[in-house]
Amino acid sequence: QASLKANPFGAMAVEQAMSQIQQRPTPANVPEGFVWDERTGWYYHAATGYYFDPSTSLYYEPTKGRYYSYDHESGAYVEHQAAADQGAGDADEAPAESEAQQSAAQ
């Protein structure tokens, strides 16, 4: 906290970020580690590169363009064939990669 007091701009940035987080409640089914990506409108997990759509509970893997669902019985991710065949079917269109992701890929 001392560093935040020494740098008022840091404290302001933290307060602003916290207010933005509070403005967008995270649905209960969003897995841990996924954060809202304002640019794509989906939740994004930086470590895996996957997106998550809480309205369908589908995961999207952008490098292969595949959708997955989580099978709670087996503990495995299973390719969601209907979404793959129909370009996500009921799911929203696949999110575009953010600029940060495109930079990291290069």
N, C-alpha and C. Protein backbone atom coordinates (compact mmCIF):
# COMPACT_ATOMS: atom_id res chain seq x y z
N GLN A 1 0.82 -1.20 0.00
CA GLN A 1 0.00 0.00 0.00
C GLN A 1 0.86 1.25 0.00
N ALA A 2 2.06 1.15 0.56
CA ALA A 2 2.93 2.32 0.57
C ALA A 2 3.25 2.76 -0.84
N SER A 3 3.46 1.81 -1.75
CA SER A 3 3.78 2.18 -3.13
C SER A 3 2.60 2.86 -3.80
N LEU A 4 1.38 2.45 -3.45
CA LEU A 4 0.21 3.11 -4.03
C LEU A 4 0.08 4.53 -3.52
N LYS A 5 0.41 4.75 -2.25
CA LYS A 5 0.33 6.11 -1.70
C LYS A 5 1.42 6.98 -2.29
N ALA A 6 2.59 6.39 -2.56
CA ALA A 6 3.68 7.16 -3.13
C ALA A 6 3.40 7.49 -4.59
N ASN A 7 2.62 6.69 -5.26
CA ASN A 7 2.29 6.91 -6.66
C ASN A 7 0.77 7.07 -6.78
N PRO A 8 0.27 8.30 -6.71
CA PRO A 8 -1.17 8.50 -6.75
C PRO A 8 -1.81 8.01 -8.05
N PHE A 9 -1.06 8.01 -9.15
CA PHE A 9 -1.61 7.52 -10.41
C PHE A 9 -1.84 6.02 -10.33
N GLY A 10 -0.98 5.31 -9.62
CA GLY A 10 -1.16 3.87 -9.42
C GLY A 10 -2.42 3.59 -8.63
N ALA A 11 -2.65 4.37 -7.58
CA ALA A 11 -3.84 4.19 -6.76
C ALA A 11 -5.09 4.49 -7.58
N MET A 12 -5.02 5.50 -8.41
CA MET A 12 -6.16 5.86 -9.24
C MET A 12 -6.45 4.74 -10.24
N ALA A 13 -5.42 4.18 -10.84
CA ALA A 13 -5.61 3.10 -11.81
C ALA A 13 -6.24 1.88 -11.14
N VAL A 14 -5.79 1.57 -9.93
CA VAL A 14 -6.35 0.42 -9.20
C VAL A 14 -7.82 0.68 -8.88
N GLU A 15 -8.14 1.86 -8.41
CA GLU A 15 -9.53 2.20 -8.09
C GLU A 15 -10.41 2.14 -9.34
N GLN A 16 -9.88 2.63 -10.45
CA GLN A 16 -10.65 2.61 -11.70
C GLN A 16 -10.88 1.17 -12.16
N ALA A 17 -9.85 0.35 -12.08
CA ALA A 17 -9.98 -1.06 -12.48
C ALA A 17 -10.99 -1.78 -11.59
N MET A 18 -10.94 -1.52 -10.30
CA MET A 18 -11.87 -2.16 -9.38
C MET A 18 -13.31 -1.73 -9.66
N SER A 19 -13.51 -0.47 -10.00
CA SER A 19 -14.87 -0.02 -10.30
C SER A 19 -15.38 -0.67 -11.57
N GLN A 20 -14.50 -0.89 -12.56
CA GLN A 20 -14.93 -1.55 -13.79
C GLN A 20 -15.28 -3.00 -13.53
N ILE A 21 -14.52 -3.67 -12.68
CA ILE A 21 -14.81 -5.06 -12.33
C ILE A 21 -16.16 -5.14 -11.64
N GLN A 22 -16.43 -4.21 -10.76
CA GLN A 22 -17.69 -4.22 -10.03
C GLN A 22 -18.87 -3.92 -10.94
N GLN A 23 -18.65 -3.22 -12.05
CA GLN A 23 -19.74 -2.89 -12.96
C GLN A 23 -20.18 -4.09 -13.79
N ARG A 24 -19.32 -5.07 -13.96
CA ARG A 24 -19.64 -6.24 -14.76
C ARG A 24 -19.60 -7.47 -13.86
N PRO A 25 -20.75 -7.86 -13.34
CA PRO A 25 -20.76 -9.05 -12.49
C PRO A 25 -20.41 -10.29 -13.32
N THR A 26 -19.57 -11.13 -12.79
CA THR A 26 -19.17 -12.35 -13.48
C THR A 26 -20.22 -13.43 -13.22
N PRO A 27 -20.75 -14.02 -14.29
CA PRO A 27 -21.72 -15.11 -14.10
C PRO A 27 -21.10 -16.26 -13.30
N ALA A 28 -21.92 -16.97 -12.57
CA ALA A 28 -21.45 -18.03 -11.68
C ALA A 28 -20.76 -19.16 -12.43
N ASN A 29 -21.11 -19.37 -13.71
CA ASN A 29 -20.52 -20.50 -14.43
C ASN A 29 -19.19 -20.18 -15.11
N VAL A 30 -18.67 -18.96 -14.95
CA VAL A 30 -17.38 -18.63 -15.55
C VAL A 30 -16.27 -19.27 -14.72
N PRO A 31 -15.46 -20.12 -15.35
CA PRO A 31 -14.41 -20.81 -14.61
C PRO A 31 -13.36 -19.85 -14.06
N GLU A 32 -12.70 -20.29 -13.02
CA GLU A 32 -11.64 -19.51 -12.39
C GLU A 32 -10.53 -19.24 -13.40
N GLY A 33 -10.01 -18.04 -13.38
CA GLY A 33 -8.91 -17.67 -14.26
C GLY A 33 -9.34 -16.98 -15.54
N PHE A 34 -10.62 -17.03 -15.86
CA PHE A 34 -11.12 -16.35 -17.05
C PHE A 34 -11.52 -14.93 -16.67
N VAL A 35 -11.12 -13.98 -17.49
CA VAL A 35 -11.44 -12.57 -17.24
C VAL A 35 -12.16 -12.00 -18.46
N TRP A 36 -12.99 -11.02 -18.21
CA TRP A 36 -13.77 -10.40 -19.27
C TRP A 36 -12.85 -9.69 -20.25
N ASP A 37 -13.05 -9.95 -21.51
CA ASP A 37 -12.31 -9.29 -22.58
C ASP A 37 -13.29 -8.34 -23.27
N GLU A 38 -13.15 -7.08 -22.98
CA GLU A 38 -14.07 -6.06 -23.49
C GLU A 38 -14.10 -6.05 -25.01
N ARG A 39 -12.96 -6.26 -25.63
CA ARG A 39 -12.87 -6.18 -27.08
C ARG A 39 -13.64 -7.29 -27.78
N THR A 40 -13.59 -8.51 -27.23
CA THR A 40 -14.25 -9.64 -27.88
C THR A 40 -15.65 -9.91 -27.34
N GLY A 41 -15.89 -9.51 -26.10
CA GLY A 41 -17.18 -9.79 -25.48
C GLY A 41 -17.28 -11.20 -24.91
N TRP A 42 -16.15 -11.86 -24.77
CA TRP A 42 -16.08 -13.20 -24.18
C TRP A 42 -15.13 -13.16 -22.99
N TYR A 43 -15.14 -14.20 -22.20
CA TYR A 43 -14.18 -14.34 -21.11
C TYR A 43 -12.94 -15.04 -21.66
N TYR A 44 -11.77 -14.58 -21.24
CA TYR A 44 -10.50 -15.06 -21.80
C TYR A 44 -9.58 -15.56 -20.70
N HIS A 45 -8.88 -16.65 -20.98
CA HIS A 45 -7.91 -17.23 -20.05
C HIS A 45 -6.53 -17.08 -20.67
N ALA A 46 -5.70 -16.21 -20.12
CA ALA A 46 -4.41 -15.89 -20.72
C ALA A 46 -3.47 -17.09 -20.77
N ALA A 47 -3.47 -17.94 -19.76
CA ALA A 47 -2.54 -19.07 -19.73
C ALA A 47 -2.84 -20.11 -20.81
N THR A 48 -4.11 -20.31 -21.13
CA THR A 48 -4.48 -21.33 -22.12
C THR A 48 -4.79 -20.74 -23.49
N GLY A 49 -5.16 -19.46 -23.52
CA GLY A 49 -5.56 -18.83 -24.77
C GLY A 49 -6.99 -19.15 -25.15
N TYR A 50 -7.73 -19.81 -24.26
CA TYR A 50 -9.12 -20.19 -24.53
C TYR A 50 -10.07 -19.05 -24.16
N TYR A 51 -11.20 -19.05 -24.85
CA TYR A 51 -12.30 -18.16 -24.52
C TYR A 51 -13.42 -18.99 -23.93
N PHE A 52 -14.31 -18.34 -23.18
CA PHE A 52 -15.45 -19.03 -22.59
C PHE A 52 -16.69 -18.18 -22.79
N ASP A 53 -17.76 -18.83 -23.22
CA ASP A 53 -19.05 -18.15 -23.42
C ASP A 53 -20.00 -18.63 -22.33
N PRO A 54 -20.32 -17.78 -21.34
CA PRO A 54 -21.19 -18.22 -20.24
C PRO A 54 -22.62 -18.52 -20.67
N SER A 55 -23.07 -17.98 -21.80
CA SER A 55 -24.45 -18.25 -22.22
C SER A 55 -24.62 -19.67 -22.77
N THR A 56 -23.53 -20.27 -23.27
CA THR A 56 -23.60 -21.63 -23.80
C THR A 56 -22.74 -22.61 -23.00
N SER A 57 -21.87 -22.09 -22.11
CA SER A 57 -20.89 -22.88 -21.36
C SER A 57 -19.91 -23.60 -22.27
N LEU A 58 -19.65 -23.01 -23.44
CA LEU A 58 -18.68 -23.59 -24.37
C LEU A 58 -17.35 -22.84 -24.27
N TYR A 59 -16.28 -23.59 -24.47
CA TYR A 59 -14.93 -23.04 -24.55
C TYR A 59 -14.58 -22.96 -26.02
N TYR A 60 -13.83 -21.93 -26.40
CA TYR A 60 -13.39 -21.77 -27.78
C TYR A 60 -11.88 -21.72 -27.81
N GLU A 61 -11.28 -22.56 -28.66
CA GLU A 61 -9.83 -22.59 -28.83
C GLU A 61 -9.53 -21.96 -30.18
N PRO A 62 -8.99 -20.73 -30.20
CA PRO A 62 -8.90 -19.97 -31.44
C PRO A 62 -7.89 -20.48 -32.47
N THR A 63 -6.82 -21.15 -32.06
CA THR A 63 -5.84 -21.57 -33.05
C THR A 63 -6.37 -22.70 -33.93
N LYS A 64 -7.23 -23.53 -33.39
CA LYS A 64 -7.84 -24.62 -34.17
C LYS A 64 -9.27 -24.29 -34.57
N GLY A 65 -9.82 -23.24 -33.97
CA GLY A 65 -11.19 -22.85 -34.28
C GLY A 65 -12.21 -23.88 -33.80
N ARG A 66 -11.94 -24.50 -32.66
CA ARG A 66 -12.82 -25.55 -32.15
C ARG A 66 -13.47 -25.15 -30.84
N TYR A 67 -14.67 -25.69 -30.65
CA TYR A 67 -15.43 -25.46 -29.42
C TYR A 67 -15.41 -26.74 -28.59
N TYR A 68 -15.38 -26.54 -27.28
CA TYR A 68 -15.36 -27.67 -26.35
C TYR A 68 -16.35 -27.44 -25.23
N SER A 69 -16.86 -28.53 -24.70
CA SER A 69 -17.67 -28.47 -23.48
C SER A 69 -16.93 -29.30 -22.43
N TYR A 70 -17.22 -29.05 -21.18
CA TYR A 70 -16.57 -29.77 -20.10
C TYR A 70 -17.49 -30.87 -19.61
N ASP A 71 -17.01 -32.09 -19.62
CA ASP A 71 -17.77 -33.24 -19.14
C ASP A 71 -17.42 -33.46 -17.68
N HIS A 72 -18.36 -33.13 -16.81
CA HIS A 72 -18.10 -33.22 -15.36
C HIS A 72 -17.89 -34.66 -14.90
N GLU A 73 -18.51 -35.62 -15.56
CA GLU A 73 -18.35 -37.02 -15.16
C GLU A 73 -16.94 -37.53 -15.42
N SER A 74 -16.41 -37.23 -16.60
CA SER A 74 -15.07 -37.73 -16.95
C SER A 74 -13.97 -36.75 -16.57
N GLY A 75 -14.33 -35.48 -16.37
CA GLY A 75 -13.33 -34.46 -16.08
C GLY A 75 -12.54 -34.05 -17.32
N ALA A 76 -13.09 -34.34 -18.50
CA ALA A 76 -12.39 -34.05 -19.76
C ALA A 76 -13.15 -33.00 -20.57
N TYR A 77 -12.40 -32.34 -21.44
CA TYR A 77 -13.02 -31.42 -22.38
C TYR A 77 -13.32 -32.20 -23.66
N VAL A 78 -14.55 -32.06 -24.14
CA VAL A 78 -15.01 -32.82 -25.29
C VAL A 78 -15.37 -31.84 -26.40
N GLU A 79 -14.88 -32.14 -27.61
CA GLU A 79 -15.20 -31.25 -28.72
C GLU A 79 -16.71 -31.21 -28.91
N HIS A 80 -17.23 -30.03 -29.04
CA HIS A 80 -18.66 -29.82 -29.19
C HIS A 80 -18.96 -29.83 -30.68
N GLN A 81 -19.36 -30.96 -31.20
CA GLN A 81 -19.50 -31.16 -32.64
C GLN A 81 -20.54 -30.25 -33.28
N ALA A 82 -21.69 -30.07 -32.64
CA ALA A 82 -22.74 -29.23 -33.22
C ALA A 82 -22.24 -27.81 -33.41
N ALA A 83 -21.51 -27.29 -32.45
CA ALA A 83 -20.97 -25.93 -32.56
C ALA A 83 -19.93 -25.88 -33.65
N ALA A 84 -19.10 -26.90 -33.77
CA ALA A 84 -18.06 -26.92 -34.80
C ALA A 84 -18.69 -27.00 -36.19
N ASP A 85 -19.71 -27.83 -36.35
CA ASP A 85 -20.35 -28.00 -37.65
C ASP A 85 -21.11 -26.75 -38.10
N GLN A 86 -21.69 -26.04 -37.16
CA GLN A 86 -22.53 -24.90 -37.50
C GLN A 86 -21.86 -23.57 -37.23
N GLY A 87 -20.56 -23.56 -37.03
CA GLY A 87 -19.90 -22.30 -36.71
C GLY A 87 -20.38 -21.77 -35.39
N ALA A 88 -20.59 -22.65 -34.44
CA ALA A 88 -20.99 -22.37 -33.07
C ALA A 88 -22.48 -22.50 -32.85
N GLY A 89 -23.26 -22.66 -33.87
CA GLY A 89 -24.69 -22.86 -33.68
C GLY A 89 -25.30 -21.75 -32.86
N ASP A 90 -25.75 -22.09 -31.64
CA ASP A 90 -26.37 -21.11 -30.77
C ASP A 90 -25.36 -20.19 -30.10
N ALA A 91 -24.10 -20.59 -30.11
CA ALA A 91 -23.06 -19.76 -29.49
C ALA A 91 -22.84 -18.52 -30.33
N ASP A 92 -22.35 -17.48 -29.69
CA ASP A 92 -22.01 -16.27 -30.43
C ASP A 92 -20.89 -16.60 -31.41
N GLU A 93 -20.68 -15.72 -32.38
CA GLU A 93 -19.57 -15.95 -33.30
C GLU A 93 -18.28 -15.95 -32.51
N ALA A 94 -17.30 -16.66 -33.03
CA ALA A 94 -16.01 -16.76 -32.35
C ALA A 94 -15.42 -15.38 -32.16
N PRO A 95 -14.80 -15.15 -31.02
CA PRO A 95 -14.22 -13.84 -30.76
C PRO A 95 -12.97 -13.61 -31.60
N ALA A 96 -12.77 -12.39 -31.99
CA ALA A 96 -11.53 -12.02 -32.68
C ALA A 96 -10.43 -11.91 -31.65
N GLU A 97 -9.22 -12.23 -32.03
CA GLU A 97 -8.11 -12.13 -31.08
C GLU A 97 -7.86 -10.66 -30.76
N SER A 98 -7.51 -10.41 -29.50
CA SER A 98 -7.20 -9.05 -29.10
C SER A 98 -5.82 -8.68 -29.64
N GLU A 99 -5.50 -7.41 -29.65
CA GLU A 99 -4.21 -6.95 -30.14
C GLU A 99 -3.07 -7.54 -29.33
N ALA A 100 -3.24 -7.68 -28.01
CA ALA A 100 -2.20 -8.24 -27.15
C ALA A 100 -1.92 -9.69 -27.53
N GLN A 101 -2.96 -10.44 -27.84
CA GLN A 101 -2.78 -11.84 -28.23
C GLN A 101 -2.08 -11.94 -29.56
N GLN A 102 -2.43 -11.06 -30.51
CA GLN A 102 -1.81 -11.09 -31.82
C GLN A 102 -0.32 -10.74 -31.69
N SER A 103 0.01 -9.78 -30.82
CA SER A 103 1.41 -9.42 -30.59
C SER A 103 2.17 -10.56 -29.96
N ALA A 104 1.56 -11.25 -29.02
CA ALA A 104 2.23 -12.35 -28.34
C ALA A 104 2.48 -13.51 -29.29
N ALA A 105 1.61 -13.69 -30.27
CA ALA A 105 1.75 -14.78 -31.22
C ALA A 105 2.89 -14.54 -32.21
N GLN A 106 3.27 -13.29 -32.38
CA GLN A 106 4.31 -12.97 -33.36
C GLN A 106 5.66 -13.09 -32.80
